[in-house]
Amino acid sequence: MAAAAAVIRPPFTISSSSSSKSNSTLLSRKSIILSSTSSIVGCSRLNCMIKNQMSTSKKNASGSRLLVKCMASSSVLPKALLFDCDGVLVDTEKDGHRISFNDTFAERELGVTWDVDLYGELLKIGGGKERMTAYFNKVGWPEKAPKSEEERKEFIASLHKRKTELFMALIEKKLLPLRPSVAKLIDQALEKGVKVAVCSTSNEKAVSAIVSFLLGPQRAEKIQIYAGDVVPRKKPDPAIYLLAADTLGVEPSSCVVVEDSAIGLAAAKAAGMKCIITKSGYTADEDFLNADAVFDCIGDPPEERFDLAFCGSLLEKQYVS
């Protein structure tokens, strides 16, 4: 399997630089960066070997990344594979949720529009109802909004309900596709008896629609969903991941999470879980320093970035360099 632009985090630290130190290997970051020519071969322990170090140093001068070949060979598998939804299963935010919010605001004649950049900032707030509340608290509530706090909660809930209906219509029409190899990784887990769940701050109906319509009913009936207000505190709080581990009957330390955002990463790590980042459109430039691995996506063959065996290798206690 070919791996592209990934960050793997074993205990040793190696990176490259294209600045004045371009001819040396720097031990300054807690990661190993894989170039598009690196490969990960799935299935006991993660073996990372530096290839052609001298020629790589020369390449560094022209700005390319250090070439590292990682091989995962393990019989260890996660007890549970936990996915975020938006940005992980489907890149829904810009052309899904944002559009549905704006259509809802237009229907209610609120005079509010969230452009692409503004919505990117608002995504730092977990949960749609919380996002709207924080926005209106900051810029001022629409004239048509009620005045009392309790009525405003009901107003926000009604907006969110309508927004979810509009979003679900997009999903049912399959206008937003699954991200590359999401279904394949889920199939690998289910075939090996690894429990699979989706843990999201989004509305439960919206998450269920994505799982049912895009992953299909056969997969959906085997996937647990933890979403919306199922926990009182949303990401970056670890509550939703701890709830998933508890109800699935597994230890948090035996779980691997696939996330796309810094707040999701914070939630997973606070829960004591391994976390792989697959960057999405809005999160590409976020800080993922604490992630166990960072990829641009899971990837379809022949450019598959990682597989279930690689997820299992992250649980190994020993690494050989």
C-alpha atoms as a PDB file:
ATOM      1  CA  MET A   1       0.000   0.000   0.000  1.00  0.00           C
ATOM      2  CA  ALA A   2       1.346   3.395  -0.832  1.00  0.00           C
ATOM      3  CA  ALA A   3       1.265   6.066   1.827  1.00  0.00           C
ATOM      4  CA  ALA A   4       1.065   9.779   1.180  1.00  0.00           C
ATOM      5  CA  ALA A   5       1.925  12.712   3.411  1.00  0.00           C
ATOM      6  CA  ALA A   6       1.500  11.039   6.782  1.00  0.00           C
ATOM      7  CA  VAL A   7       2.786  11.652  10.274  1.00  0.00           C
ATOM      8  CA  ILE A   8       3.514   8.627  12.479  1.00  0.00           C
ATOM      9  CA  ARG A   9       4.395   9.014  16.155  1.00  0.00           C
ATOM     10  CA  PRO A  10       6.699   6.340  17.559  1.00  0.00           C
ATOM     11  CA  PRO A  11       8.797   7.213  20.651  1.00  0.00           C
ATOM     12  CA  PHE A  12      11.761   8.454  18.617  1.00  0.00           C
ATOM     13  CA  THR A  13      11.682  11.802  16.857  1.00  0.00           C
ATOM     14  CA  ILE A  14      12.883  12.453  13.333  1.00  0.00           C
ATOM     15  CA  SER A  15      11.976  15.176  10.893  1.00  0.00           C
ATOM     16  CA  SER A  16      13.478  17.100   8.019  1.00  0.00           C
ATOM     17  CA  SER A  17      13.919  20.757   7.188  1.00  0.00           C
ATOM     18  CA  SER A  18      14.293  22.741   3.991  1.00  0.00           C
ATOM     19  CA  SER A  19      15.813  25.738   5.775  1.00  0.00           C
ATOM     20  CA  SER A  20      19.485  26.440   6.579  1.00  0.00           C
ATOM     21  CA  LYS A  21      19.708  23.053   8.351  1.00  0.00           C
ATOM     22  CA  SER A  22      18.579  21.207   5.237  1.00  0.00           C
ATOM     23  CA  ASN A  23      21.527  18.764   5.244  1.00  0.00           C
ATOM     24  CA  SER A  24      20.879  17.443   8.739  1.00  0.00           C
ATOM     25  CA  THR A  25      18.197  15.309  10.327  1.00  0.00           C
ATOM     26  CA  LEU A  26      16.506  17.307  13.070  1.00  0.00           C
ATOM     27  CA  LEU A  27      15.332  15.718  16.320  1.00  0.00           C
ATOM     28  CA  SER A  28      12.988  18.570  17.121  1.00  0.00           C
ATOM     29  CA  ARG A  29       9.494  17.230  16.572  1.00  0.00           C
ATOM     30  CA  LYS A  30       7.533  14.360  18.100  1.00  0.00           C
ATOM     31  CA  SER A  31       6.815  12.784  14.749  1.00  0.00           C
ATOM     32  CA  ILE A  32       8.084  11.094  11.643  1.00  0.00           C
ATOM     33  CA  ILE A  33       6.834  12.574   8.395  1.00  0.00           C
ATOM     34  CA  LEU A  34       6.182  10.201   5.528  1.00  0.00           C
ATOM     35  CA  SER A  35       6.487  11.420   1.970  1.00  0.00           C
ATOM     36  CA  SER A  36       4.210  10.411  -0.896  1.00  0.00           C
ATOM     37  CA  THR A  37       6.783   7.756  -1.870  1.00  0.00           C
ATOM     38  CA  SER A  38       6.737   6.087   1.553  1.00  0.00           C
ATOM     39  CA  SER A  39       4.737   2.928   2.138  1.00  0.00           C
ATOM     40  CA  ILE A  40       2.904   1.223   4.956  1.00  0.00           C
ATOM     41  CA  VAL A  41       2.468  -2.532   4.707  1.00  0.00           C
ATOM     42  CA  GLY A  42      -0.205  -3.774   7.019  1.00  0.00           C
ATOM     43  CA  CYS A  43      -0.314  -6.551   9.583  1.00  0.00           C
ATOM     44  CA  SER A  44       3.209  -7.185  15.287  1.00  0.00           C
ATOM     45  CA  ARG A  45       5.078  -4.133  15.724  1.00  0.00           C
ATOM     46  CA  LEU A  46       5.693  -0.884  13.863  1.00  0.00           C
ATOM     47  CA  ASN A  47       9.099  -0.912  12.165  1.00  0.00           C
ATOM     48  CA  CYS A  48      10.227   2.455  10.851  1.00  0.00           C
ATOM     49  CA  MET A  49      13.447   2.545   8.859  1.00  0.00           C
ATOM     50  CA  ILE A  50      15.166   5.564   7.431  1.00  0.00           C
ATOM     51  CA  LYS A  51      15.921   4.939   3.763  1.00  0.00           C
ATOM     52  CA  ASN A  52      18.744   6.484   1.762  1.00  0.00           C
ATOM     53  CA  GLN A  53      19.563   9.033   4.434  1.00  0.00           C
ATOM     54  CA  MET A  54      22.362  10.667   2.475  1.00  0.00           C
ATOM     55  CA  SER A  55      20.328  11.118  -0.690  1.00  0.00           C
ATOM     56  CA  THR A  56      17.394  12.304   1.397  1.00  0.00           C
ATOM     57  CA  SER A  57      19.545  15.056   2.896  1.00  0.00           C
ATOM     58  CA  LYS A  58      20.229  16.323  -0.589  1.00  0.00           C
ATOM     59  CA  LYS A  59      16.554  16.253  -1.405  1.00  0.00           C
ATOM     60  CA  ASN A  60      15.830  18.202   1.744  1.00  0.00           C
ATOM     61  CA  ALA A  61      17.693  21.157   0.277  1.00  0.00           C
ATOM     62  CA  SER A  62      15.039  21.379  -2.413  1.00  0.00           C
ATOM     63  CA  GLY A  63      12.246  21.223   0.133  1.00  0.00           C
ATOM     64  CA  SER A  64      11.134  17.572  -0.027  1.00  0.00           C
ATOM     65  CA  ARG A  65      10.335  15.605   3.092  1.00  0.00           C
ATOM     66  CA  LEU A  66      12.381  12.879   4.738  1.00  0.00           C
ATOM     67  CA  LEU A  67      11.667   9.484   3.209  1.00  0.00           C
ATOM     68  CA  VAL A  68      10.611   6.923   5.764  1.00  0.00           C
ATOM     69  CA  LYS A  69       9.278   3.448   5.150  1.00  0.00           C
ATOM     70  CA  CYS A  70       6.918   2.135   7.810  1.00  0.00           C
ATOM     71  CA  MET A  71       5.767  -1.446   8.037  1.00  0.00           C
ATOM     72  CA  ALA A  72       3.056  -2.582  10.441  1.00  0.00           C
ATOM     73  CA  SER A  73       3.062  -6.342  11.053  1.00  0.00           C
ATOM     74  CA  SER A  74       0.907  -7.335  13.990  1.00  0.00           C
ATOM     75  CA  SER A  75      -1.765  -9.730  15.131  1.00  0.00           C
ATOM     76  CA  VAL A  76      -2.926  -7.135  17.646  1.00  0.00           C
ATOM     77  CA  LEU A  77      -6.163  -5.411  16.697  1.00  0.00           C
ATOM     78  CA  PRO A  78      -8.181  -2.685  18.389  1.00  0.00           C
ATOM     79  CA  LYS A  79     -11.128  -3.818  20.491  1.00  0.00           C
ATOM     80  CA  ALA A  80     -13.088  -0.931  18.985  1.00  0.00           C
ATOM     81  CA  LEU A  81     -12.653   1.410  16.044  1.00  0.00           C
ATOM     82  CA  LEU A  82     -14.405   4.727  16.695  1.00  0.00           C
ATOM     83  CA  PHE A  83     -15.102   7.245  13.943  1.00  0.00           C
ATOM     84  CA  ASP A  84     -16.069  10.867  14.085  1.00  0.00           C
ATOM     85  CA  CYS A  85     -18.742  11.596  11.478  1.00  0.00           C
ATOM     86  CA  ASP A  86     -18.485  15.009   9.803  1.00  0.00           C
ATOM     87  CA  GLY A  87     -15.165  15.365   8.016  1.00  0.00           C
ATOM     88  CA  VAL A  88     -14.244  11.714   8.625  1.00  0.00           C
ATOM     89  CA  LEU A  89     -16.984   9.565   7.081  1.00  0.00           C
ATOM     90  CA  VAL A  90     -18.062  12.373   4.758  1.00  0.00           C
ATOM     91  CA  ASP A  91     -16.612  15.844   4.180  1.00  0.00           C
ATOM     92  CA  THR A  92     -19.949  17.423   5.090  1.00  0.00           C
ATOM     93  CA  GLU A  93     -19.142  20.781   6.585  1.00  0.00           C
ATOM     94  CA  LYS A  94     -18.662  23.277   3.742  1.00  0.00           C
ATOM     95  CA  ASP A  95     -21.242  21.992   1.262  1.00  0.00           C
ATOM     96  CA  GLY A  96     -23.544  20.168   3.680  1.00  0.00           C
ATOM     97  CA  HIS A  97     -24.016  21.572   7.163  1.00  0.00           C
ATOM     98  CA  ARG A  98     -23.051  25.161   6.221  1.00  0.00           C
ATOM     99  CA  ILE A  99     -25.511  25.230   3.327  1.00  0.00           C
ATOM    100  CA  SER A 100     -28.251  23.764   5.519  1.00  0.00           C
ATOM    101  CA  PHE A 101     -27.643  26.381   8.230  1.00  0.00           C
ATOM    102  CA  ASN A 102     -27.814  29.178   5.649  1.00  0.00           C
ATOM    103  CA  ASP A 103     -30.988  27.791   4.057  1.00  0.00           C
ATOM    104  CA  THR A 104     -32.580  27.661   7.503  1.00  0.00           C
ATOM    105  CA  PHE A 105     -31.580  31.251   8.258  1.00  0.00           C
ATOM    106  CA  ALA A 106     -33.010  32.329   4.887  1.00  0.00           C
ATOM    107  CA  GLU A 107     -36.311  30.521   5.474  1.00  0.00           C
ATOM    108  CA  ARG A 108     -36.691  32.309   8.807  1.00  0.00           C
ATOM    109  CA  GLU A 109     -35.623  35.626   7.240  1.00  0.00           C
ATOM    110  CA  LEU A 110     -32.986  36.198   9.898  1.00  0.00           C
ATOM    111  CA  GLY A 111     -30.594  38.143   7.664  1.00  0.00           C
ATOM    112  CA  VAL A 112     -27.713  35.813   8.573  1.00  0.00           C
ATOM    113  CA  THR A 113     -25.279  34.087   6.209  1.00  0.00           C
ATOM    114  CA  TRP A 114     -22.256  32.046   7.205  1.00  0.00           C
ATOM    115  CA  ASP A 115     -19.583  32.238   4.503  1.00  0.00           C
ATOM    116  CA  VAL A 116     -16.883  29.588   4.077  1.00  0.00           C
ATOM    117  CA  ASP A 117     -14.241  31.328   6.204  1.00  0.00           C
ATOM    118  CA  LEU A 118     -16.627  32.280   9.012  1.00  0.00           C
ATOM    119  CA  TYR A 119     -17.983  28.755   9.218  1.00  0.00           C
ATOM    120  CA  GLY A 120     -14.433  27.432   9.477  1.00  0.00           C
ATOM    121  CA  GLU A 121     -13.973  29.551  12.600  1.00  0.00           C
ATOM    122  CA  LEU A 122     -17.342  28.480  14.012  1.00  0.00           C
ATOM    123  CA  LEU A 123     -16.352  24.828  13.684  1.00  0.00           C
ATOM    124  CA  LYS A 124     -14.042  25.330  16.650  1.00  0.00           C
ATOM    125  CA  ILE A 125     -17.266  25.154  18.689  1.00  0.00           C
ATOM    126  CA  GLY A 126     -18.601  21.616  19.004  1.00  0.00           C
ATOM    127  CA  GLY A 127     -22.317  21.142  18.274  1.00  0.00           C
ATOM    128  CA  GLY A 128     -24.689  23.023  15.963  1.00  0.00           C
ATOM    129  CA  LYS A 129     -26.930  24.467  18.682  1.00  0.00           C
ATOM    130  CA  GLU A 130     -23.882  25.580  20.647  1.00  0.00           C
ATOM    131  CA  ARG A 131     -22.395  27.068  17.467  1.00  0.00           C
ATOM    132  CA  MET A 132     -25.470  29.197  16.735  1.00  0.00           C
ATOM    133  CA  THR A 133     -25.795  30.325  20.342  1.00  0.00           C
ATOM    134  CA  ALA A 134     -22.152  31.396  20.530  1.00  0.00           C
ATOM    135  CA  TYR A 135     -22.440  33.256  17.215  1.00  0.00           C
ATOM    136  CA  PHE A 136     -25.580  35.185  18.196  1.00  0.00           C
ATOM    137  CA  ASN A 137     -24.157  35.965  21.631  1.00  0.00           C
ATOM    138  CA  LYS A 138     -21.138  37.499  19.953  1.00  0.00           C
ATOM    139  CA  VAL A 139     -22.660  39.447  17.031  1.00  0.00           C
ATOM    140  CA  GLY A 140     -26.127  40.069  18.423  1.00  0.00           C
ATOM    141  CA  TRP A 141     -29.384  38.130  18.191  1.00  0.00           C
ATOM    142  CA  PRO A 142     -31.651  38.604  15.142  1.00  0.00           C
ATOM    143  CA  GLU A 143     -34.613  40.943  15.564  1.00  0.00           C
ATOM    144  CA  LYS A 144     -36.987  37.995  15.154  1.00  0.00           C
ATOM    145  CA  ALA A 145     -35.347  36.078  17.990  1.00  0.00           C
ATOM    146  CA  PRO A 146     -37.092  36.028  21.399  1.00  0.00           C
ATOM    147  CA  LYS A 147     -35.628  37.949  24.331  1.00  0.00           C
ATOM    148  CA  SER A 148     -35.687  35.539  27.259  1.00  0.00           C
ATOM    149  CA  GLU A 149     -32.976  32.909  27.709  1.00  0.00           C
ATOM    150  CA  GLU A 150     -35.444  30.016  27.855  1.00  0.00           C
ATOM    151  CA  GLU A 151     -37.252  31.139  24.710  1.00  0.00           C
ATOM    152  CA  ARG A 152     -33.938  31.569  22.931  1.00  0.00           C
ATOM    153  CA  LYS A 153     -33.049  27.943  23.742  1.00  0.00           C
ATOM    154  CA  GLU A 154     -36.306  26.870  22.116  1.00  0.00           C
ATOM    155  CA  PHE A 155     -35.616  29.185  19.163  1.00  0.00           C
ATOM    156  CA  ILE A 156     -32.167  27.646  18.651  1.00  0.00           C
ATOM    157  CA  ALA A 157     -33.602  24.149  18.966  1.00  0.00           C
ATOM    158  CA  SER A 158     -36.215  24.907  16.288  1.00  0.00           C
ATOM    159  CA  LEU A 159     -33.562  26.289  13.937  1.00  0.00           C
ATOM    160  CA  HIS A 160     -31.409  23.242  14.485  1.00  0.00           C
ATOM    161  CA  LYS A 161     -34.333  20.884  13.890  1.00  0.00           C
ATOM    162  CA  ARG A 162     -35.057  22.503  10.530  1.00  0.00           C
ATOM    163  CA  LYS A 163     -31.390  22.596   9.600  1.00  0.00           C
ATOM    164  CA  THR A 164     -31.157  18.848  10.321  1.00  0.00           C
ATOM    165  CA  GLU A 165     -34.160  18.170   8.059  1.00  0.00           C
ATOM    166  CA  LEU A 166     -32.530  20.070   5.195  1.00  0.00           C
ATOM    167  CA  PHE A 167     -29.191  18.328   5.781  1.00  0.00           C
ATOM    168  CA  MET A 168     -30.816  14.889   5.830  1.00  0.00           C
ATOM    169  CA  ALA A 169     -32.421  15.636   2.478  1.00  0.00           C
ATOM    170  CA  LEU A 170     -28.929  16.188   1.031  1.00  0.00           C
ATOM    171  CA  ILE A 171     -27.728  12.905   2.490  1.00  0.00           C
ATOM    172  CA  GLU A 172     -30.763  10.944   1.255  1.00  0.00           C
ATOM    173  CA  LYS A 173     -30.093  12.224  -2.258  1.00  0.00           C
ATOM    174  CA  LYS A 174     -26.480  11.017  -1.850  1.00  0.00           C
ATOM    175  CA  LEU A 175     -25.156  14.396  -2.944  1.00  0.00           C
ATOM    176  CA  LEU A 176     -22.257  14.084  -0.477  1.00  0.00           C
ATOM    177  CA  PRO A 177     -20.057  10.990  -1.024  1.00  0.00           C
ATOM    178  CA  LEU A 178     -18.175   8.916   1.536  1.00  0.00           C
ATOM    179  CA  ARG A 179     -14.493   9.782   1.885  1.00  0.00           C
ATOM    180  CA  PRO A 180     -12.016   7.358   0.220  1.00  0.00           C
ATOM    181  CA  SER A 181     -11.881   3.819   1.718  1.00  0.00           C
ATOM    182  CA  VAL A 182     -14.040   4.599   4.754  1.00  0.00           C
ATOM    183  CA  ALA A 183     -16.323   1.672   3.908  1.00  0.00           C
ATOM    184  CA  LYS A 184     -13.348  -0.627   3.293  1.00  0.00           C
ATOM    185  CA  LEU A 185     -11.780   0.105   6.707  1.00  0.00           C
ATOM    186  CA  ILE A 186     -15.131  -0.451   8.421  1.00  0.00           C
ATOM    187  CA  ASP A 187     -15.542  -3.758   6.564  1.00  0.00           C
ATOM    188  CA  GLN A 188     -12.063  -4.861   7.668  1.00  0.00           C
ATOM    189  CA  ALA A 189     -12.979  -4.140  11.286  1.00  0.00           C
ATOM    190  CA  LEU A 190     -16.358  -5.873  11.169  1.00  0.00           C
ATOM    191  CA  GLU A 191     -14.875  -8.945   9.468  1.00  0.00           C
ATOM    192  CA  LYS A 192     -12.293  -9.270  12.265  1.00  0.00           C
ATOM    193  CA  GLY A 193     -14.849  -8.833  15.047  1.00  0.00           C
ATOM    194  CA  VAL A 194     -13.676  -5.326  15.945  1.00  0.00           C
ATOM    195  CA  LYS A 195     -16.527  -3.229  17.314  1.00  0.00           C
ATOM    196  CA  VAL A 196     -17.312  -0.128  15.251  1.00  0.00           C
ATOM    197  CA  ALA A 197     -19.038   3.045  16.410  1.00  0.00           C
ATOM    198  CA  VAL A 198     -19.564   6.606  15.229  1.00  0.00           C
ATOM    199  CA  CYS A 199     -19.103   9.286  17.898  1.00  0.00           C
ATOM    200  CA  SER A 200     -20.225  12.762  16.845  1.00  0.00           C
ATOM    201  CA  THR A 201     -21.385  16.092  18.228  1.00  0.00           C
ATOM    202  CA  SER A 202     -23.884  16.292  15.346  1.00  0.00           C
ATOM    203  CA  ASN A 203     -27.583  15.541  15.659  1.00  0.00           C
ATOM    204  CA  GLU A 204     -28.275  11.814  16.062  1.00  0.00           C
ATOM    205  CA  LYS A 205     -30.754  11.764  13.165  1.00  0.00           C
ATOM    206  CA  ALA A 206     -28.223  13.353  10.826  1.00  0.00           C
ATOM    207  CA  VAL A 207     -25.497  10.903  11.832  1.00  0.00           C
ATOM    208  CA  SER A 208     -27.875   7.949  11.487  1.00  0.00           C
ATOM    209  CA  ALA A 209     -28.844   9.148   8.015  1.00  0.00           C
ATOM    210  CA  ILE A 210     -25.191   9.274   6.924  1.00  0.00           C
ATOM    211  CA  VAL A 211     -24.523   5.786   8.280  1.00  0.00           C
ATOM    212  CA  SER A 212     -27.717   4.278   6.834  1.00  0.00           C
ATOM    213  CA  PHE A 213     -27.826   5.926   3.402  1.00  0.00           C
ATOM    214  CA  LEU A 214     -24.105   6.107   2.623  1.00  0.00           C
ATOM    215  CA  LEU A 215     -22.727   3.016   4.358  1.00  0.00           C
ATOM    216  CA  GLY A 216     -25.834   0.950   3.707  1.00  0.00           C
ATOM    217  CA  PRO A 217     -28.256  -0.895   5.989  1.00  0.00           C
ATOM    218  CA  GLN A 218     -26.143  -4.054   6.365  1.00  0.00           C
ATOM    219  CA  ARG A 219     -23.242  -2.103   7.807  1.00  0.00           C
ATOM    220  CA  ALA A 220     -25.503   0.296   9.702  1.00  0.00           C
ATOM    221  CA  GLU A 221     -27.085  -2.446  11.801  1.00  0.00           C
ATOM    222  CA  LYS A 222     -23.618  -3.410  13.088  1.00  0.00           C
ATOM    223  CA  ILE A 223     -22.464   0.136  13.904  1.00  0.00           C
ATOM    224  CA  GLN A 224     -23.276   1.841  17.203  1.00  0.00           C
ATOM    225  CA  ILE A 225     -24.015   5.564  17.091  1.00  0.00           C
ATOM    226  CA  TYR A 226     -23.297   8.043  19.898  1.00  0.00           C
ATOM    227  CA  ALA A 227     -24.303  11.517  18.818  1.00  0.00           C
ATOM    228  CA  GLY A 228     -25.875  14.859  19.639  1.00  0.00           C
ATOM    229  CA  ASP A 229     -27.016  15.383  23.206  1.00  0.00           C
ATOM    230  CA  VAL A 230     -26.279  11.824  24.335  1.00  0.00           C
ATOM    231  CA  VAL A 231     -23.645  13.385  26.608  1.00  0.00           C
ATOM    232  CA  PRO A 232     -23.945  16.735  28.432  1.00  0.00           C
ATOM    233  CA  ARG A 233     -20.501  17.986  27.360  1.00  0.00           C
ATOM    234  CA  LYS A 234     -19.346  17.852  23.750  1.00  0.00           C
ATOM    235  CA  LYS A 235     -15.895  17.596  22.204  1.00  0.00           C
ATOM    236  CA  PRO A 236     -13.176  18.488  23.163  1.00  0.00           C
ATOM    237  CA  ASP A 237     -14.577  16.914  26.337  1.00  0.00           C
ATOM    238  CA  PRO A 238     -13.896  13.129  26.235  1.00  0.00           C
ATOM    239  CA  ALA A 239     -17.401  12.208  27.466  1.00  0.00           C
ATOM    240  CA  ILE A 240     -18.660  10.785  24.171  1.00  0.00           C
ATOM    241  CA  TYR A 241     -15.642   8.521  23.694  1.00  0.00           C
ATOM    242  CA  LEU A 242     -15.754   7.340  27.302  1.00  0.00           C
ATOM    243  CA  LEU A 243     -19.460   6.575  26.899  1.00  0.00           C
ATOM    244  CA  ALA A 244     -18.736   4.564  23.763  1.00  0.00           C
ATOM    245  CA  ALA A 245     -16.005   2.519  25.449  1.00  0.00           C
ATOM    246  CA  ASP A 246     -18.185   1.883  28.496  1.00  0.00           C
ATOM    247  CA  THR A 247     -21.283   0.762  26.575  1.00  0.00           C
ATOM    248  CA  LEU A 248     -19.242  -1.306  24.124  1.00  0.00           C
ATOM    249  CA  GLY A 249     -17.548  -3.020  27.074  1.00  0.00           C
ATOM    250  CA  VAL A 250     -13.960  -2.214  26.080  1.00  0.00           C
ATOM    251  CA  GLU A 251     -11.087  -0.399  27.747  1.00  0.00           C
ATOM    252  CA  PRO A 252     -10.377   3.083  26.335  1.00  0.00           C
ATOM    253  CA  SER A 253      -6.723   2.106  25.886  1.00  0.00           C
ATOM    254  CA  SER A 254      -7.782  -0.642  23.458  1.00  0.00           C
ATOM    255  CA  CYS A 255      -9.655   1.783  21.184  1.00  0.00           C
ATOM    256  CA  VAL A 256      -8.436   3.580  18.073  1.00  0.00           C
ATOM    257  CA  VAL A 257     -10.238   6.766  17.045  1.00  0.00           C
ATOM    258  CA  VAL A 258     -10.332   8.262  13.542  1.00  0.00           C
ATOM    259  CA  GLU A 259     -10.840  12.036  13.745  1.00  0.00           C
ATOM    260  CA  ASP A 260     -10.329  15.053  11.496  1.00  0.00           C
ATOM    261  CA  SER A 261     -10.183  18.002  13.905  1.00  0.00           C
ATOM    262  CA  ALA A 262      -8.155  19.366  16.815  1.00  0.00           C
ATOM    263  CA  ILE A 263     -11.163  19.305  19.146  1.00  0.00           C
ATOM    264  CA  GLY A 264     -11.868  15.693  18.206  1.00  0.00           C
ATOM    265  CA  LEU A 265      -8.220  14.782  18.757  1.00  0.00           C
ATOM    266  CA  ALA A 266      -8.306  16.448  22.185  1.00  0.00           C
ATOM    267  CA  ALA A 267     -11.415  14.447  23.107  1.00  0.00           C
ATOM    268  CA  ALA A 268      -9.890  11.139  22.008  1.00  0.00           C
ATOM    269  CA  LYS A 269      -6.578  11.686  23.795  1.00  0.00           C
ATOM    270  CA  ALA A 270      -8.326  12.882  26.981  1.00  0.00           C
ATOM    271  CA  ALA A 271     -10.252   9.596  26.884  1.00  0.00           C
ATOM    272  CA  GLY A 272      -6.946   7.695  26.810  1.00  0.00           C
ATOM    273  CA  MET A 273      -7.330   6.419  23.237  1.00  0.00           C
ATOM    274  CA  LYS A 274      -5.054   6.251  20.216  1.00  0.00           C
ATOM    275  CA  CYS A 275      -6.067   8.734  17.533  1.00  0.00           C
ATOM    276  CA  ILE A 276      -5.457   8.833  13.791  1.00  0.00           C
ATOM    277  CA  ILE A 277      -6.203  12.092  11.997  1.00  0.00           C
ATOM    278  CA  THR A 278      -7.528  12.144   8.434  1.00  0.00           C
ATOM    279  CA  LYS A 279      -7.483  15.821   7.534  1.00  0.00           C
ATOM    280  CA  SER A 280     -10.581  17.399   5.997  1.00  0.00           C
ATOM    281  CA  GLY A 281     -11.181  20.572   4.039  1.00  0.00           C
ATOM    282  CA  TYR A 282     -11.572  22.786   7.089  1.00  0.00           C
ATOM    283  CA  THR A 283      -8.964  21.146   9.343  1.00  0.00           C
ATOM    284  CA  ALA A 284      -5.882  20.790   7.130  1.00  0.00           C
ATOM    285  CA  ASP A 285      -3.967  23.540   8.958  1.00  0.00           C
ATOM    286  CA  GLU A 286      -4.947  22.645  12.531  1.00  0.00           C
ATOM    287  CA  ASP A 287      -2.403  21.541  15.148  1.00  0.00           C
ATOM    288  CA  PHE A 288      -2.254  17.739  15.331  1.00  0.00           C
ATOM    289  CA  LEU A 289       0.987  17.456  17.294  1.00  0.00           C
ATOM    290  CA  ASN A 290      -0.542  15.006  19.795  1.00  0.00           C
ATOM    291  CA  ALA A 291      -1.999  12.658  17.188  1.00  0.00           C
ATOM    292  CA  ASP A 292      -0.630   9.135  16.849  1.00  0.00           C
ATOM    293  CA  ALA A 293      -0.747   9.395  13.055  1.00  0.00           C
ATOM    294  CA  VAL A 294      -1.827  12.048  10.548  1.00  0.00           C
ATOM    295  CA  PHE A 295      -2.965  11.392   6.968  1.00  0.00           C
ATOM    296  CA  ASP A 296      -4.776  13.359   4.294  1.00  0.00           C
ATOM    297  CA  CYS A 297      -7.330  10.526   4.029  1.00  0.00           C
ATOM    298  CA  ILE A 298      -7.629   6.739   4.431  1.00  0.00           C
ATOM    299  CA  GLY A 299      -7.170   6.428   0.690  1.00  0.00           C
ATOM    300  CA  ASP A 300      -8.356   4.089  -2.030  1.00  0.00           C
ATOM    301  CA  PRO A 301      -5.967   1.506  -3.546  1.00  0.00           C
ATOM    302  CA  PRO A 302      -3.384   1.800  -4.990  1.00  0.00           C
ATOM    303  CA  GLU A 303      -2.891   4.902  -2.810  1.00  0.00           C
ATOM    304  CA  GLU A 304      -4.256   3.463   0.434  1.00  0.00           C
ATOM    305  CA  ARG A 305      -2.683   5.302   3.395  1.00  0.00           C
ATOM    306  CA  PHE A 306      -3.429   2.829   6.198  1.00  0.00           C
ATOM    307  CA  ASP A 307      -5.494  -0.213   7.098  1.00  0.00           C
ATOM    308  CA  LEU A 308      -6.867  -2.036  10.158  1.00  0.00           C
ATOM    309  CA  ALA A 309      -3.513  -3.712  10.839  1.00  0.00           C
ATOM    310  CA  PHE A 310      -1.884  -0.308  11.039  1.00  0.00           C
ATOM    311  CA  CYS A 311      -4.540   0.760  13.574  1.00  0.00           C
ATOM    312  CA  GLY A 312      -3.620  -2.293  15.636  1.00  0.00           C
ATOM    313  CA  SER A 313       0.089  -1.533  15.427  1.00  0.00           C
ATOM    314  CA  LEU A 314      -0.515   1.757  17.249  1.00  0.00           C
ATOM    315  CA  LEU A 315      -1.527  -0.267  20.315  1.00  0.00           C
ATOM    316  CA  GLU A 316       1.830  -2.055  20.459  1.00  0.00           C
ATOM    317  CA  LYS A 317       4.069  -1.114  23.375  1.00  0.00           C
ATOM    318  CA  GLN A 318       7.348  -1.724  21.533  1.00  0.00           C
ATOM    319  CA  TYR A 319       8.706  -0.055  18.442  1.00  0.00           C
ATOM    320  CA  VAL A 320      11.877  -1.000  16.600  1.00  0.00           C
ATOM    321  CA  SER A 321      13.824   1.678  14.743  1.00  0.00           C
END
